[in-house]
C-alpha atoms as a PDB file:
ATOM      1  CA  MET A   1      38.820  91.137 -12.025  1.00  0.00           C
ATOM      2  CA  SER A   2      39.651  88.314  -9.211  1.00  0.00           C
ATOM      3  CA  GLN A   3      37.932  85.151  -9.847  1.00  0.00           C
ATOM      4  CA  THR A   4      35.703  83.874  -6.551  1.00  0.00           C
ATOM      5  CA  PRO A   5      38.093  80.530  -4.819  1.00  0.00           C
ATOM      6  CA  ARG A   6      36.700  77.153  -6.041  1.00  0.00           C
ATOM      7  CA  THR A   7      34.282  75.585  -3.220  1.00  0.00           C
ATOM      8  CA  GLU A   8      35.245  72.042  -2.488  1.00  0.00           C
ATOM      9  CA  PRO A   9      32.508  69.268  -2.557  1.00  0.00           C
ATOM     10  CA  SER A  10      31.666  67.798   0.679  1.00  0.00           C
ATOM     11  CA  MET A  11      32.817  64.657   1.183  1.00  0.00           C
ATOM     12  CA  LEU A  12      28.693  62.746   0.717  1.00  0.00           C
ATOM     13  CA  VAL A  13      28.774  64.798  -2.849  1.00  0.00           C
ATOM     14  CA  LYS A  14      32.341  63.184  -3.873  1.00  0.00           C
ATOM     15  CA  GLN A  15      31.317  59.768  -2.735  1.00  0.00           C
ATOM     16  CA  ALA A  16      28.310  60.160  -4.572  1.00  0.00           C
ATOM     17  CA  LEU A  17      29.823  60.781  -7.777  1.00  0.00           C
ATOM     18  CA  GLU A  18      32.504  58.189  -7.292  1.00  0.00           C
ATOM     19  CA  PHE A  19      30.508  55.206  -6.071  1.00  0.00           C
ATOM     20  CA  GLY A  20      26.861  56.289  -7.753  1.00  0.00           C
ATOM     21  CA  PRO A  21      27.464  54.454 -11.100  1.00  0.00           C
ATOM     22  CA  LEU A  22      29.130  51.915  -9.281  1.00  0.00           C
ATOM     23  CA  LEU A  23      26.051  51.213  -7.500  1.00  0.00           C
ATOM     24  CA  VAL A  24      23.644  52.215 -10.750  1.00  0.00           C
ATOM     25  CA  PHE A  25      25.135  49.178 -12.492  1.00  0.00           C
ATOM     26  CA  LEU A  26      24.512  46.538  -9.404  1.00  0.00           C
ATOM     27  CA  GLY A  27      20.756  47.401  -9.808  1.00  0.00           C
ATOM     28  CA  VAL A  28      20.486  47.650 -13.036  1.00  0.00           C
ATOM     29  CA  TYR A  29      22.410  44.358 -13.416  1.00  0.00           C
ATOM     30  CA  LEU A  30      20.515  42.664 -10.387  1.00  0.00           C
ATOM     31  CA  TRP A  31      16.982  43.994 -12.228  1.00  0.00           C
ATOM     32  CA  MET A  32      18.054  42.918 -15.799  1.00  0.00           C
ATOM     33  CA  ARG A  33      20.240  39.935 -15.245  1.00  0.00           C
ATOM     34  CA  ASP A  34      17.741  37.171 -16.127  1.00  0.00           C
ATOM     35  CA  SER A  35      15.953  39.687 -19.326  1.00  0.00           C
ATOM     36  CA  THR A  36      16.985  40.628 -22.940  1.00  0.00           C
ATOM     37  CA  VAL A  37      16.570  43.550 -24.050  1.00  0.00           C
ATOM     38  CA  SER A  38      16.126  44.666 -27.306  1.00  0.00           C
ATOM     39  CA  LEU A  39      17.682  47.774 -28.743  1.00  0.00           C
ATOM     40  CA  ALA A  40      18.630  49.137 -32.564  1.00  0.00           C
ATOM     41  CA  GLY A  41      17.489  45.329 -33.892  1.00  0.00           C
ATOM     42  CA  ARG A  42      19.707  43.031 -31.465  1.00  0.00           C
ATOM     43  CA  GLU A  43      19.068  41.476 -28.390  1.00  0.00           C
ATOM     44  CA  TYR A  44      21.404  42.433 -24.840  1.00  0.00           C
ATOM     45  CA  GLN A  45      21.650  40.224 -21.526  1.00  0.00           C
ATOM     46  CA  GLY A  46      21.519  41.905 -18.546  1.00  0.00           C
ATOM     47  CA  PHE A  47      25.147  42.466 -18.478  1.00  0.00           C
ATOM     48  CA  VAL A  48      25.253  44.348 -21.643  1.00  0.00           C
ATOM     49  CA  ILE A  49      22.456  46.488 -20.250  1.00  0.00           C
ATOM     50  CA  ALA A  50      23.690  47.589 -16.880  1.00  0.00           C
ATOM     51  CA  VAL A  51      26.733  48.513 -18.902  1.00  0.00           C
ATOM     52  CA  ILE A  52      25.111  50.746 -20.769  1.00  0.00           C
ATOM     53  CA  ALA A  53      23.436  52.056 -18.129  1.00  0.00           C
ATOM     54  CA  PHE A  54      27.015  52.585 -16.594  1.00  0.00           C
ATOM     55  CA  VAL A  55      29.388  53.830 -19.169  1.00  0.00           C
ATOM     56  CA  PRO A  56      27.754  57.196 -19.270  1.00  0.00           C
ATOM     57  CA  LEU A  57      26.351  57.778 -15.845  1.00  0.00           C
ATOM     58  CA  GLN A  58      30.452  57.112 -15.248  1.00  0.00           C
ATOM     59  CA  LEU A  59      31.330  60.048 -17.925  1.00  0.00           C
ATOM     60  CA  LEU A  60      29.325  62.404 -16.247  1.00  0.00           C
ATOM     61  CA  ALA A  61      29.997  62.006 -12.754  1.00  0.00           C
ATOM     62  CA  THR A  62      33.681  62.037 -13.815  1.00  0.00           C
ATOM     63  CA  ILE A  63      32.587  65.663 -16.153  1.00  0.00           C
ATOM     64  CA  ALA A  64      30.928  66.557 -12.658  1.00  0.00           C
ATOM     65  CA  MET A  65      34.160  66.225 -10.572  1.00  0.00           C
ATOM     66  CA  ARG A  66      36.169  67.962 -12.653  1.00  0.00           C
ATOM     67  CA  LEU A  67      33.756  70.794 -13.165  1.00  0.00           C
ATOM     68  CA  LEU A  68      33.345  70.692  -8.630  1.00  0.00           C
ATOM     69  CA  THR A  69      37.241  69.951  -8.466  1.00  0.00           C
ATOM     70  CA  GLY A  70      38.796  71.588 -11.264  1.00  0.00           C
ATOM     71  CA  ARG A  71      40.826  69.033 -11.537  1.00  0.00           C
ATOM     72  CA  LEU A  72      41.239  65.293 -12.361  1.00  0.00           C
ATOM     73  CA  SER A  73      44.220  63.048 -11.650  1.00  0.00           C
ATOM     74  CA  ARG A  74      45.765  61.170 -14.520  1.00  0.00           C
ATOM     75  CA  MET A  75      44.741  58.035 -12.431  1.00  0.00           C
ATOM     76  CA  GLN A  76      41.133  59.167 -13.004  1.00  0.00           C
ATOM     77  CA  LEU A  77      41.221  60.315 -16.677  1.00  0.00           C
ATOM     78  CA  THR A  78      43.135  56.786 -17.818  1.00  0.00           C
ATOM     79  CA  THR A  79      40.458  54.778 -16.343  1.00  0.00           C
ATOM     80  CA  LEU A  80      37.753  56.823 -18.064  1.00  0.00           C
ATOM     81  CA  ILE A  81      38.856  56.737 -21.107  1.00  0.00           C
ATOM     82  CA  LEU A  82      39.511  53.184 -21.060  1.00  0.00           C
ATOM     83  CA  VAL A  83      35.829  52.174 -19.404  1.00  0.00           C
ATOM     84  CA  LEU A  84      34.824  54.336 -22.714  1.00  0.00           C
ATOM     85  CA  ILE A  85      36.736  52.096 -24.611  1.00  0.00           C
ATOM     86  CA  LEU A  86      35.790  48.858 -23.847  1.00  0.00           C
ATOM     87  CA  GLY A  87      32.230  50.095 -22.627  1.00  0.00           C
ATOM     88  CA  LEU A  88      31.174  50.700 -26.176  1.00  0.00           C
ATOM     89  CA  ALA A  89      33.548  47.499 -27.216  1.00  0.00           C
ATOM     90  CA  THR A  90      31.093  45.887 -25.145  1.00  0.00           C
ATOM     91  CA  VAL A  91      27.718  46.778 -26.532  1.00  0.00           C
ATOM     92  CA  LEU A  92      28.820  46.568 -30.739  1.00  0.00           C
ATOM     93  CA  LEU A  93      30.087  43.257 -29.581  1.00  0.00           C
ATOM     94  CA  ASN A  94      27.649  42.231 -27.664  1.00  0.00           C
ATOM     95  CA  ASP A  95      30.460  40.131 -25.575  1.00  0.00           C
ATOM     96  CA  GLU A  96      30.220  40.808 -21.547  1.00  0.00           C
ATOM     97  CA  ARG A  97      33.654  39.204 -21.679  1.00  0.00           C
ATOM     98  CA  VAL A  98      35.062  42.469 -22.748  1.00  0.00           C
ATOM     99  CA  PHE A  99      34.187  44.405 -20.069  1.00  0.00           C
ATOM    100  CA  LYS A 100      34.791  41.957 -17.521  1.00  0.00           C
ATOM    101  CA  MET A 101      38.169  42.559 -18.648  1.00  0.00           C
ATOM    102  CA  LYS A 102      38.217  46.652 -17.519  1.00  0.00           C
ATOM    103  CA  SER A 103      40.059  45.898 -14.371  1.00  0.00           C
ATOM    104  CA  THR A 104      42.551  43.467 -16.172  1.00  0.00           C
ATOM    105  CA  PHE A 105      43.269  46.146 -18.632  1.00  0.00           C
ATOM    106  CA  ILE A 106      43.552  49.311 -15.958  1.00  0.00           C
ATOM    107  CA  PHE A 107      45.496  47.295 -13.053  1.00  0.00           C
ATOM    108  CA  GLY A 108      47.649  46.079 -15.528  1.00  0.00           C
ATOM    109  CA  LEU A 109      48.420  49.078 -16.931  1.00  0.00           C
ATOM    110  CA  PHE A 110      49.022  51.063 -13.598  1.00  0.00           C
ATOM    111  CA  GLY A 111      51.442  48.492 -12.558  1.00  0.00           C
ATOM    112  CA  LEU A 112      53.319  48.693 -15.902  1.00  0.00           C
ATOM    113  CA  LEU A 113      53.505  52.356 -15.640  1.00  0.00           C
ATOM    114  CA  LEU A 114      54.869  52.339 -12.231  1.00  0.00           C
ATOM    115  CA  PHE A 115      57.270  50.117 -12.943  1.00  0.00           C
ATOM    116  CA  ILE A 116      58.624  51.994 -16.031  1.00  0.00           C
ATOM    117  CA  GLY A 117      58.958  54.811 -13.646  1.00  0.00           C
ATOM    118  CA  LEU A 118      60.689  52.795 -10.837  1.00  0.00           C
ATOM    119  CA  TRP A 119      62.827  51.845 -13.843  1.00  0.00           C
ATOM    120  CA  ARG A 120      63.947  55.551 -14.467  1.00  0.00           C
ATOM    121  CA  GLY A 121      64.311  56.273 -10.526  1.00  0.00           C
ATOM    122  CA  GLN A 122      61.479  57.937 -10.503  1.00  0.00           C
ATOM    123  CA  SER A 123      57.830  57.271  -8.462  1.00  0.00           C
ATOM    124  CA  TRP A 124      54.875  58.296 -10.953  1.00  0.00           C
ATOM    125  CA  LEU A 125      52.691  57.913  -7.665  1.00  0.00           C
ATOM    126  CA  ALA A 126      53.833  60.751  -5.868  1.00  0.00           C
ATOM    127  CA  TYR A 127      53.058  62.108  -8.876  1.00  0.00           C
ATOM    128  CA  VAL A 128      49.582  61.971  -9.282  1.00  0.00           C
ATOM    129  CA  LEU A 129      48.847  61.499  -4.861  1.00  0.00           C
ATOM    130  CA  ASP A 130      51.488  63.981  -3.663  1.00  0.00           C
ATOM    131  CA  GLN A 131      48.925  66.542  -3.180  1.00  0.00           C
ATOM    132  CA  ALA A 132      46.819  63.394  -0.974  1.00  0.00           C
ATOM    133  CA  LEU A 133      50.029  61.764   0.967  1.00  0.00           C
ATOM    134  CA  PRO A 134      52.696  63.977   1.849  1.00  0.00           C
ATOM    135  CA  LEU A 135      55.617  61.550   2.084  1.00  0.00           C
ATOM    136  CA  ASP A 136      59.240  61.579   1.419  1.00  0.00           C
ATOM    137  CA  GLN A 137      61.592  60.449  -1.506  1.00  0.00           C
ATOM    138  CA  GLU A 138      62.095  57.091   0.072  1.00  0.00           C
ATOM    139  CA  GLY A 139      58.429  56.426   1.378  1.00  0.00           C
ATOM    140  CA  TRP A 140      56.815  56.796  -1.990  1.00  0.00           C
ATOM    141  CA  MET A 141      59.818  54.337  -3.728  1.00  0.00           C
ATOM    142  CA  ILE A 142      58.896  51.682  -1.292  1.00  0.00           C
ATOM    143  CA  LEU A 143      55.122  52.466  -1.430  1.00  0.00           C
ATOM    144  CA  THR A 144      55.252  52.921  -5.447  1.00  0.00           C
ATOM    145  CA  ARG A 145      57.089  49.002  -5.434  1.00  0.00           C
ATOM    146  CA  ARG A 146      54.243  47.836  -3.404  1.00  0.00           C
ATOM    147  CA  MET A 147      51.613  49.233  -5.442  1.00  0.00           C
ATOM    148  CA  ALA A 148      53.011  48.019  -8.751  1.00  0.00           C
ATOM    149  CA  TRP A 149      53.431  44.902  -7.406  1.00  0.00           C
ATOM    150  CA  PHE A 150      49.666  44.946  -6.192  1.00  0.00           C
ATOM    151  CA  PHE A 151      48.219  46.232  -9.368  1.00  0.00           C
ATOM    152  CA  LEU A 152      49.528  43.303 -11.037  1.00  0.00           C
ATOM    153  CA  ALA A 153      48.428  40.869  -8.764  1.00  0.00           C
ATOM    154  CA  PHE A 154      44.955  42.195  -8.940  1.00  0.00           C
ATOM    155  CA  ALA A 155      45.102  42.466 -13.003  1.00  0.00           C
ATOM    156  CA  ALA A 156      46.006  38.765 -12.395  1.00  0.00           C
ATOM    157  CA  MET A 157      43.201  38.603 -10.099  1.00  0.00           C
ATOM    158  CA  ASN A 158      40.717  39.901 -11.978  1.00  0.00           C
ATOM    159  CA  GLU A 159      41.244  36.958 -14.751  1.00  0.00           C
ATOM    160  CA  VAL A 160      41.164  34.507 -12.236  1.00  0.00           C
ATOM    161  CA  ILE A 161      37.391  35.824 -11.131  1.00  0.00           C
ATOM    162  CA  TRP A 162      35.602  36.406 -14.407  1.00  0.00           C
ATOM    163  CA  ARG A 163      37.279  33.373 -15.902  1.00  0.00           C
ATOM    164  CA  ASN A 164      36.174  31.238 -13.574  1.00  0.00           C
ATOM    165  CA  PHE A 165      33.625  32.086 -11.800  1.00  0.00           C
ATOM    166  CA  SER A 166      29.779  33.419 -13.002  1.00  0.00           C
ATOM    167  CA  THR A 167      28.471  36.494 -14.061  1.00  0.00           C
ATOM    168  CA  ASP A 168      27.259  37.084 -10.672  1.00  0.00           C
ATOM    169  CA  THR A 169      30.257  36.655  -8.427  1.00  0.00           C
ATOM    170  CA  TYR A 170      31.845  38.760 -11.232  1.00  0.00           C
ATOM    171  CA  VAL A 171      29.716  41.477 -10.735  1.00  0.00           C
ATOM    172  CA  LEU A 172      29.793  41.504  -6.744  1.00  0.00           C
ATOM    173  CA  TRP A 173      33.553  41.317  -6.818  1.00  0.00           C
ATOM    174  CA  ASP A 174      33.464  44.799  -9.399  1.00  0.00           C
ATOM    175  CA  THR A 175      31.411  46.721  -7.124  1.00  0.00           C
ATOM    176  CA  PHE A 176      32.315  45.501  -3.838  1.00  0.00           C
ATOM    177  CA  GLY A 177      35.133  43.161  -3.773  1.00  0.00           C
ATOM    178  CA  GLN A 178      37.913  45.345  -5.970  1.00  0.00           C
ATOM    179  CA  MET A 179      36.778  48.190  -3.124  1.00  0.00           C
ATOM    180  CA  ALA A 180      37.241  45.495  -0.222  1.00  0.00           C
ATOM    181  CA  VAL A 181      41.222  44.729  -1.329  1.00  0.00           C
ATOM    182  CA  MET A 182      42.070  48.297  -1.783  1.00  0.00           C
ATOM    183  CA  PHE A 183      41.071  49.199   1.573  1.00  0.00           C
ATOM    184  CA  VAL A 184      43.193  46.103   3.388  1.00  0.00           C
ATOM    185  CA  PHE A 185      46.397  47.098   0.828  1.00  0.00           C
ATOM    186  CA  LEU A 186      45.791  50.806   1.948  1.00  0.00           C
ATOM    187  CA  ILE A 187      45.475  49.493   5.749  1.00  0.00           C
ATOM    188  CA  GLY A 188      48.333  47.393   5.271  1.00  0.00           C
ATOM    189  CA  ASN A 189      50.726  50.048   4.294  1.00  0.00           C
ATOM    190  CA  TYR A 190      49.518  52.485   7.096  1.00  0.00           C
ATOM    191  CA  ARG A 191      53.096  52.040   9.299  1.00  0.00           C
ATOM    192  CA  LEU A 192      55.246  52.805   6.524  1.00  0.00           C
ATOM    193  CA  ILE A 193      52.943  55.936   5.674  1.00  0.00           C
ATOM    194  CA  GLU A 194      53.027  57.272   9.070  1.00  0.00           C
ATOM    195  CA  LYS A 195      56.936  56.514   9.192  1.00  0.00           C
ATOM    196  CA  HIS A 196      57.493  58.460   6.012  1.00  0.00           C
ATOM    197  CA  TRP A 197      54.934  60.889   6.377  1.00  0.00           C
ATOM    198  CA  THR A 198      56.097  65.253   6.004  1.00  0.00           C
ATOM    199  CA  GLY A 199      53.170  66.907   6.373  1.00  0.00           C
ATOM    200  CA  GLU A 200      51.220  68.266   9.605  1.00  0.00           C
ATOM    201  CA  ARG A 201      50.004  65.272  12.311  1.00  0.00           C
END
């Protein structure tokens, strides 16, 4: 008996699953940032409450994406695992600094892995994104090198922001700033992608 082909979810559904948990995190933080909530005999500040709301939503959104599309990239899976670990540690230690280091760990790890692949003469970025970006081998190697340095710079930027600025600033950085910087990076590589594009135009 043949299986019915899986229907690709709409762009609106994808965006809701990708950005919904982040928007909930922002909303809960703005609502609770000056409040303290008692849970299981412990007092939690607003930021940690926002983390408690965000982590299960991120898990559910990732599961939903897997069910709808039938796949998850290694990058998505690794990100989810780190979010779960750091979110749990944040709640158990009742220390918001742990979760603020999320992007440091995630992007630092991705940058390190890309450099390991480059050292072996491989583009592990192509292994993850080849279906989304059909590039030739030279294009993948150049883009991977740029992305590796970008990820390490991104991790360092996160350290600077959470250690030197207010929690309000960090939350805006985590929800909107990172997406904006990533968008600018991708736009900056438009000519490279166009030059080495191998798909239909």
